[in-house]
Amino acid sequence: MSPEANSGSIAINVFNSISPMPGGISGLLVTLVDNNRFFVEQYTGDSIGSVIAERYQSPITNLTTANVIKLMAVQDFGVQSVSVGDLSTNNSNLMVMAKEFETRGMEELKSLDIGTIKYFKARG
């Protein structure tokens, strides 16, 4: 990824990494990326905006990939096997693959907070 990207460029990366990409899902990619950008904003408390900094790109990409794979798993597009990057699986394992990408994205989100210490004063 580049130091800065937008929703469209992340959508293109997701599109290029999943083969075959069903036409019914490819039209939703930018929306899925935007939904995950909003989720990351809510999770981190940071304002990301339309230009997505490099630190947020990988979690957003992995969460979007998980969403796409879940959609492929629950809808019948007549696809027998799916490749995501170097990984290939048949349709019966798509939910497992989606969970792996979701877990990876959430772990990356959690790692964004490393080094941030928050102090709270207890009442009393």
N, C-alpha and C. Protein backbone atom coordinates (compact mmCIF):
# COMPACT_ATOMS: atom_id res chain seq x y z
N MET A 1 0.83 -1.18 0.00
CA MET A 1 0.00 0.00 0.00
C MET A 1 0.88 1.25 0.00
N SER A 2 0.26 2.33 -0.35
CA SER A 2 1.00 3.60 -0.38
C SER A 2 0.87 4.30 0.96
N PRO A 3 1.71 5.31 1.20
CA PRO A 3 1.61 6.04 2.47
C PRO A 3 0.22 6.61 2.72
N GLU A 4 -0.46 7.00 1.66
CA GLU A 4 -1.83 7.48 1.81
C GLU A 4 -2.66 6.87 0.69
N ALA A 5 -3.89 6.48 1.02
CA ALA A 5 -4.78 5.87 0.04
C ALA A 5 -6.19 6.38 0.30
N ASN A 6 -7.08 6.11 -0.65
CA ASN A 6 -8.48 6.43 -0.42
C ASN A 6 -9.28 5.13 -0.49
N SER A 7 -10.58 5.23 -0.29
CA SER A 7 -11.42 4.04 -0.28
C SER A 7 -11.36 3.30 -1.61
N GLY A 8 -11.30 4.03 -2.71
CA GLY A 8 -11.25 3.41 -4.02
C GLY A 8 -10.00 2.59 -4.24
N SER A 9 -8.85 3.10 -3.79
CA SER A 9 -7.61 2.35 -3.99
C SER A 9 -7.56 1.10 -3.12
N ILE A 10 -8.11 1.16 -1.91
CA ILE A 10 -8.19 -0.04 -1.08
C ILE A 10 -9.16 -1.04 -1.71
N ALA A 11 -10.28 -0.55 -2.25
CA ALA A 11 -11.24 -1.43 -2.92
C ALA A 11 -10.59 -2.14 -4.10
N ILE A 12 -9.76 -1.43 -4.85
CA ILE A 12 -9.07 -2.04 -6.00
C ILE A 12 -8.11 -3.13 -5.52
N ASN A 13 -7.40 -2.88 -4.41
CA ASN A 13 -6.50 -3.90 -3.86
C ASN A 13 -7.27 -5.15 -3.45
N VAL A 14 -8.42 -4.97 -2.80
CA VAL A 14 -9.24 -6.12 -2.41
C VAL A 14 -9.74 -6.83 -3.66
N PHE A 15 -10.22 -6.06 -4.64
CA PHE A 15 -10.71 -6.64 -5.89
C PHE A 15 -9.63 -7.49 -6.57
N ASN A 16 -8.42 -6.96 -6.61
CA ASN A 16 -7.32 -7.67 -7.28
C ASN A 16 -6.83 -8.88 -6.50
N SER A 17 -7.10 -8.94 -5.20
CA SER A 17 -6.59 -10.05 -4.39
C SER A 17 -7.53 -11.25 -4.37
N ILE A 18 -8.81 -11.06 -4.71
CA ILE A 18 -9.79 -12.15 -4.65
C ILE A 18 -10.15 -12.58 -6.06
N SER A 19 -10.02 -13.88 -6.32
CA SER A 19 -10.33 -14.40 -7.65
C SER A 19 -11.12 -15.70 -7.51
N PRO A 20 -12.22 -15.85 -8.16
CA PRO A 20 -12.92 -14.85 -8.96
C PRO A 20 -13.73 -13.92 -8.07
N MET A 21 -13.84 -12.66 -8.47
CA MET A 21 -14.64 -11.67 -7.73
C MET A 21 -16.01 -11.60 -8.42
N PRO A 22 -17.05 -12.03 -7.71
CA PRO A 22 -18.39 -11.97 -8.30
C PRO A 22 -18.82 -10.53 -8.58
N GLY A 23 -19.47 -10.33 -9.71
CA GLY A 23 -19.92 -9.00 -10.11
C GLY A 23 -20.88 -8.38 -9.11
N GLY A 24 -21.69 -9.21 -8.45
CA GLY A 24 -22.63 -8.68 -7.47
C GLY A 24 -21.98 -8.09 -6.24
N ILE A 25 -20.74 -8.46 -5.99
CA ILE A 25 -20.01 -7.95 -4.83
C ILE A 25 -19.08 -6.82 -5.23
N SER A 26 -18.50 -6.90 -6.41
CA SER A 26 -17.50 -5.90 -6.81
C SER A 26 -18.07 -4.49 -6.80
N GLY A 27 -19.35 -4.33 -7.09
CA GLY A 27 -19.97 -3.01 -7.05
C GLY A 27 -20.14 -2.46 -5.65
N LEU A 28 -20.01 -3.32 -4.65
CA LEU A 28 -20.17 -2.90 -3.25
C LEU A 28 -18.84 -2.60 -2.56
N LEU A 29 -17.74 -2.82 -3.24
CA LEU A 29 -16.43 -2.75 -2.57
C LEU A 29 -16.14 -1.41 -1.92
N VAL A 30 -16.40 -0.31 -2.61
CA VAL A 30 -16.09 1.00 -2.02
C VAL A 30 -16.96 1.23 -0.79
N THR A 31 -18.21 0.80 -0.84
CA THR A 31 -19.10 0.93 0.32
C THR A 31 -18.60 0.09 1.48
N LEU A 32 -18.15 -1.13 1.20
CA LEU A 32 -17.60 -1.98 2.26
C LEU A 32 -16.35 -1.36 2.88
N VAL A 33 -15.49 -0.80 2.06
CA VAL A 33 -14.29 -0.12 2.57
C VAL A 33 -14.69 1.06 3.45
N ASP A 34 -15.64 1.86 2.99
CA ASP A 34 -16.09 3.02 3.78
C ASP A 34 -16.71 2.58 5.11
N ASN A 35 -17.48 1.50 5.10
CA ASN A 35 -18.06 0.99 6.34
C ASN A 35 -16.97 0.55 7.31
N ASN A 36 -15.93 -0.09 6.79
CA ASN A 36 -14.83 -0.51 7.66
C ASN A 36 -13.97 0.66 8.11
N ARG A 37 -13.84 1.68 7.28
CA ARG A 37 -13.14 2.90 7.69
C ARG A 37 -13.88 3.54 8.86
N PHE A 38 -15.21 3.60 8.77
CA PHE A 38 -16.02 4.14 9.86
C PHE A 38 -15.86 3.29 11.12
N PHE A 39 -15.86 1.96 10.96
CA PHE A 39 -15.67 1.07 12.11
C PHE A 39 -14.33 1.34 12.79
N VAL A 40 -13.27 1.49 11.99
CA VAL A 40 -11.94 1.75 12.54
C VAL A 40 -11.92 3.11 13.25
N GLU A 41 -12.59 4.10 12.69
CA GLU A 41 -12.69 5.40 13.36
C GLU A 41 -13.36 5.26 14.72
N GLN A 42 -14.46 4.51 14.76
CA GLN A 42 -15.18 4.32 16.01
C GLN A 42 -14.35 3.52 17.02
N TYR A 43 -13.64 2.53 16.54
CA TYR A 43 -12.83 1.67 17.40
C TYR A 43 -11.66 2.43 18.00
N THR A 44 -10.99 3.23 17.18
CA THR A 44 -9.78 3.93 17.64
C THR A 44 -10.06 5.30 18.24
N GLY A 45 -11.20 5.89 17.88
CA GLY A 45 -11.47 7.25 18.31
C GLY A 45 -10.76 8.29 17.45
N ASP A 46 -10.09 7.84 16.41
CA ASP A 46 -9.37 8.74 15.50
C ASP A 46 -10.27 9.14 14.35
N SER A 47 -10.03 10.32 13.80
CA SER A 47 -10.72 10.76 12.60
C SER A 47 -9.82 10.44 11.42
N ILE A 48 -10.27 9.53 10.56
CA ILE A 48 -9.44 9.08 9.44
C ILE A 48 -9.65 9.95 8.22
N GLY A 49 -10.88 10.27 7.90
CA GLY A 49 -11.17 11.10 6.73
C GLY A 49 -11.08 10.31 5.43
N SER A 50 -11.15 11.03 4.31
CA SER A 50 -11.17 10.37 3.00
C SER A 50 -9.79 9.91 2.55
N VAL A 51 -8.74 10.51 3.06
CA VAL A 51 -7.37 10.06 2.78
C VAL A 51 -6.95 9.19 3.96
N ILE A 52 -6.75 7.92 3.68
CA ILE A 52 -6.51 6.93 4.74
C ILE A 52 -5.01 6.76 4.94
N ALA A 53 -4.55 7.09 6.14
CA ALA A 53 -3.13 6.97 6.46
C ALA A 53 -2.71 5.50 6.43
N GLU A 54 -1.43 5.28 6.20
CA GLU A 54 -0.90 3.93 6.04
C GLU A 54 -1.18 3.02 7.24
N ARG A 55 -1.17 3.57 8.43
CA ARG A 55 -1.37 2.74 9.63
C ARG A 55 -2.75 2.10 9.69
N TYR A 56 -3.73 2.70 9.01
CA TYR A 56 -5.10 2.16 9.03
C TYR A 56 -5.41 1.28 7.82
N GLN A 57 -4.57 1.30 6.81
CA GLN A 57 -4.87 0.61 5.56
C GLN A 57 -4.96 -0.91 5.70
N SER A 58 -4.02 -1.52 6.40
CA SER A 58 -4.03 -2.97 6.53
C SER A 58 -5.24 -3.48 7.30
N PRO A 59 -5.58 -2.89 8.47
CA PRO A 59 -6.78 -3.37 9.15
C PRO A 59 -8.04 -3.19 8.30
N ILE A 60 -8.16 -2.05 7.62
CA ILE A 60 -9.34 -1.82 6.79
C ILE A 60 -9.37 -2.82 5.63
N THR A 61 -8.24 -3.09 5.03
CA THR A 61 -8.17 -4.05 3.94
C THR A 61 -8.55 -5.45 4.41
N ASN A 62 -8.02 -5.88 5.54
CA ASN A 62 -8.33 -7.22 6.04
C ASN A 62 -9.79 -7.35 6.45
N LEU A 63 -10.34 -6.33 7.09
CA LEU A 63 -11.75 -6.38 7.48
C LEU A 63 -12.66 -6.37 6.25
N THR A 64 -12.30 -5.61 5.23
CA THR A 64 -13.07 -5.59 3.99
C THR A 64 -12.99 -6.94 3.28
N THR A 65 -11.81 -7.52 3.25
CA THR A 65 -11.64 -8.84 2.64
C THR A 65 -12.51 -9.87 3.37
N ALA A 66 -12.54 -9.80 4.69
CA ALA A 66 -13.40 -10.70 5.47
C ALA A 66 -14.87 -10.51 5.09
N ASN A 67 -15.31 -9.27 4.95
CA ASN A 67 -16.70 -9.00 4.55
C ASN A 67 -17.03 -9.58 3.18
N VAL A 68 -16.12 -9.40 2.23
CA VAL A 68 -16.34 -9.92 0.88
C VAL A 68 -16.44 -11.44 0.90
N ILE A 69 -15.54 -12.09 1.63
CA ILE A 69 -15.54 -13.55 1.68
C ILE A 69 -16.82 -14.06 2.35
N LYS A 70 -17.28 -13.36 3.39
CA LYS A 70 -18.54 -13.74 4.03
C LYS A 70 -19.71 -13.63 3.06
N LEU A 71 -19.73 -12.55 2.28
CA LEU A 71 -20.78 -12.40 1.28
C LEU A 71 -20.73 -13.53 0.25
N MET A 72 -19.54 -13.90 -0.16
CA MET A 72 -19.39 -15.00 -1.11
C MET A 72 -19.86 -16.32 -0.51
N ALA A 73 -19.65 -16.48 0.79
CA ALA A 73 -20.04 -17.73 1.46
C ALA A 73 -21.56 -17.86 1.57
N VAL A 74 -22.25 -16.76 1.80
CA VAL A 74 -23.70 -16.85 2.02
C VAL A 74 -24.52 -16.70 0.75
N GLN A 75 -23.90 -16.25 -0.33
CA GLN A 75 -24.61 -16.12 -1.60
C GLN A 75 -24.04 -17.12 -2.59
N ASP A 76 -24.91 -17.70 -3.39
CA ASP A 76 -24.46 -18.69 -4.37
C ASP A 76 -24.14 -18.00 -5.69
N PHE A 77 -22.86 -17.87 -5.97
CA PHE A 77 -22.43 -17.27 -7.23
C PHE A 77 -21.94 -18.33 -8.21
N GLY A 78 -22.09 -19.60 -7.87
CA GLY A 78 -21.65 -20.67 -8.75
C GLY A 78 -20.15 -20.86 -8.79
N VAL A 79 -19.44 -20.30 -7.85
CA VAL A 79 -17.99 -20.40 -7.79
C VAL A 79 -17.63 -21.63 -6.95
N GLN A 80 -16.75 -22.47 -7.45
CA GLN A 80 -16.37 -23.70 -6.76
C GLN A 80 -15.19 -23.50 -5.80
N SER A 81 -14.26 -22.62 -6.17
CA SER A 81 -13.12 -22.35 -5.30
C SER A 81 -12.75 -20.88 -5.43
N VAL A 82 -12.10 -20.38 -4.39
CA VAL A 82 -11.75 -18.97 -4.31
C VAL A 82 -10.29 -18.85 -3.92
N SER A 83 -9.60 -17.91 -4.54
CA SER A 83 -8.22 -17.61 -4.18
C SER A 83 -8.16 -16.18 -3.64
N VAL A 84 -7.48 -16.04 -2.51
CA VAL A 84 -7.22 -14.73 -1.93
C VAL A 84 -5.72 -14.64 -1.78
N GLY A 85 -5.12 -13.86 -2.66
CA GLY A 85 -3.65 -13.82 -2.70
C GLY A 85 -3.12 -15.19 -3.02
N ASP A 86 -2.30 -15.74 -2.14
CA ASP A 86 -1.71 -17.06 -2.34
C ASP A 86 -2.56 -18.17 -1.73
N LEU A 87 -3.64 -17.83 -1.03
CA LEU A 87 -4.49 -18.82 -0.38
C LEU A 87 -5.63 -19.22 -1.29
N SER A 88 -5.91 -20.50 -1.33
CA SER A 88 -7.04 -21.00 -2.10
C SER A 88 -7.87 -21.92 -1.23
N THR A 89 -9.18 -21.91 -1.43
CA THR A 89 -10.07 -22.78 -0.68
C THR A 89 -11.32 -23.04 -1.49
N ASN A 90 -12.05 -24.08 -1.11
CA ASN A 90 -13.34 -24.30 -1.75
C ASN A 90 -14.42 -23.58 -0.94
N ASN A 91 -15.60 -23.52 -1.49
CA ASN A 91 -16.66 -22.72 -0.87
C ASN A 91 -17.03 -23.18 0.54
N SER A 92 -16.85 -24.45 0.85
CA SER A 92 -17.23 -24.93 2.18
C SER A 92 -16.34 -24.35 3.28
N ASN A 93 -15.18 -23.81 2.92
CA ASN A 93 -14.27 -23.25 3.92
C ASN A 93 -14.21 -21.72 3.90
N LEU A 94 -15.10 -21.08 3.17
CA LEU A 94 -15.03 -19.62 3.06
C LEU A 94 -15.24 -18.92 4.40
N MET A 95 -16.14 -19.41 5.21
CA MET A 95 -16.37 -18.75 6.50
C MET A 95 -15.14 -18.85 7.41
N VAL A 96 -14.43 -19.96 7.34
CA VAL A 96 -13.19 -20.11 8.12
C VAL A 96 -12.17 -19.09 7.63
N MET A 97 -12.04 -18.96 6.31
CA MET A 97 -11.10 -18.00 5.75
C MET A 97 -11.49 -16.57 6.13
N ALA A 98 -12.78 -16.27 6.08
CA ALA A 98 -13.27 -14.94 6.44
C ALA A 98 -12.93 -14.63 7.90
N LYS A 99 -13.10 -15.60 8.77
CA LYS A 99 -12.81 -15.41 10.20
C LYS A 99 -11.33 -15.11 10.40
N GLU A 100 -10.46 -15.76 9.63
CA GLU A 100 -9.03 -15.51 9.74
C GLU A 100 -8.68 -14.07 9.35
N PHE A 101 -9.27 -13.57 8.27
CA PHE A 101 -9.01 -12.19 7.87
C PHE A 101 -9.59 -11.21 8.88
N GLU A 102 -10.75 -11.53 9.44
CA GLU A 102 -11.36 -10.66 10.45
C GLU A 102 -10.49 -10.62 11.70
N THR A 103 -10.01 -11.77 12.13
CA THR A 103 -9.14 -11.84 13.31
C THR A 103 -7.86 -11.04 13.08
N ARG A 104 -7.27 -11.20 11.89
CA ARG A 104 -6.05 -10.46 11.56
C ARG A 104 -6.30 -8.96 11.61
N GLY A 105 -7.41 -8.52 11.01
CA GLY A 105 -7.75 -7.09 11.02
C GLY A 105 -7.95 -6.55 12.42
N MET A 106 -8.62 -7.33 13.27
CA MET A 106 -8.85 -6.87 14.65
C MET A 106 -7.55 -6.84 15.46
N GLU A 107 -6.66 -7.80 15.23
CA GLU A 107 -5.37 -7.79 15.91
C GLU A 107 -4.55 -6.57 15.49
N GLU A 108 -4.62 -6.22 14.21
CA GLU A 108 -3.91 -5.03 13.74
C GLU A 108 -4.51 -3.77 14.37
N LEU A 109 -5.83 -3.74 14.53
CA LEU A 109 -6.46 -2.59 15.20
C LEU A 109 -6.00 -2.48 16.64
N LYS A 110 -5.96 -3.60 17.33
CA LYS A 110 -5.51 -3.58 18.73
C LYS A 110 -4.07 -3.10 18.85
N SER A 111 -3.24 -3.44 17.87
CA SER A 111 -1.84 -3.04 17.94
C SER A 111 -1.65 -1.54 17.68
N LEU A 112 -2.64 -0.88 17.11
CA LEU A 112 -2.53 0.57 16.89
C LEU A 112 -2.47 1.35 18.20
N ASP A 113 -3.03 0.76 19.26
CA ASP A 113 -3.07 1.45 20.55
C ASP A 113 -1.83 1.22 21.40
N ILE A 114 -0.89 0.39 20.93
CA ILE A 114 0.31 0.12 21.71
C ILE A 114 1.09 1.41 21.91
N GLY A 115 1.51 1.64 23.12
CA GLY A 115 2.27 2.84 23.43
C GLY A 115 1.39 3.97 23.94
N THR A 116 0.10 3.80 23.86
CA THR A 116 -0.82 4.82 24.35
C THR A 116 -1.25 4.43 25.75
N ILE A 117 -0.95 5.27 26.70
CA ILE A 117 -1.34 5.01 28.07
C ILE A 117 -2.39 6.04 28.46
N LYS A 118 -3.48 5.54 29.00
CA LYS A 118 -4.57 6.43 29.40
C LYS A 118 -4.71 6.34 30.91
N TYR A 119 -4.80 7.49 31.54
CA TYR A 119 -4.96 7.56 32.98
C TYR A 119 -6.35 8.09 33.30
N PHE A 120 -6.95 7.50 34.30
CA PHE A 120 -8.25 7.94 34.75
C PHE A 120 -8.18 8.15 36.25
N LYS A 121 -8.82 9.20 36.72
CA LYS A 121 -8.86 9.47 38.15
C LYS A 121 -10.16 8.88 38.70
N ALA A 122 -10.01 8.08 39.73
CA ALA A 122 -11.18 7.49 40.35
C ALA A 122 -11.82 8.51 41.28
N ARG A 123 -13.11 8.51 41.30
CA ARG A 123 -13.82 9.40 42.24
C ARG A 123 -13.77 8.80 43.63
N GLY A 124 -13.63 9.68 44.59
CA GLY A 124 -13.69 9.14 45.92
C GLY A 124 -12.79 9.78 46.90
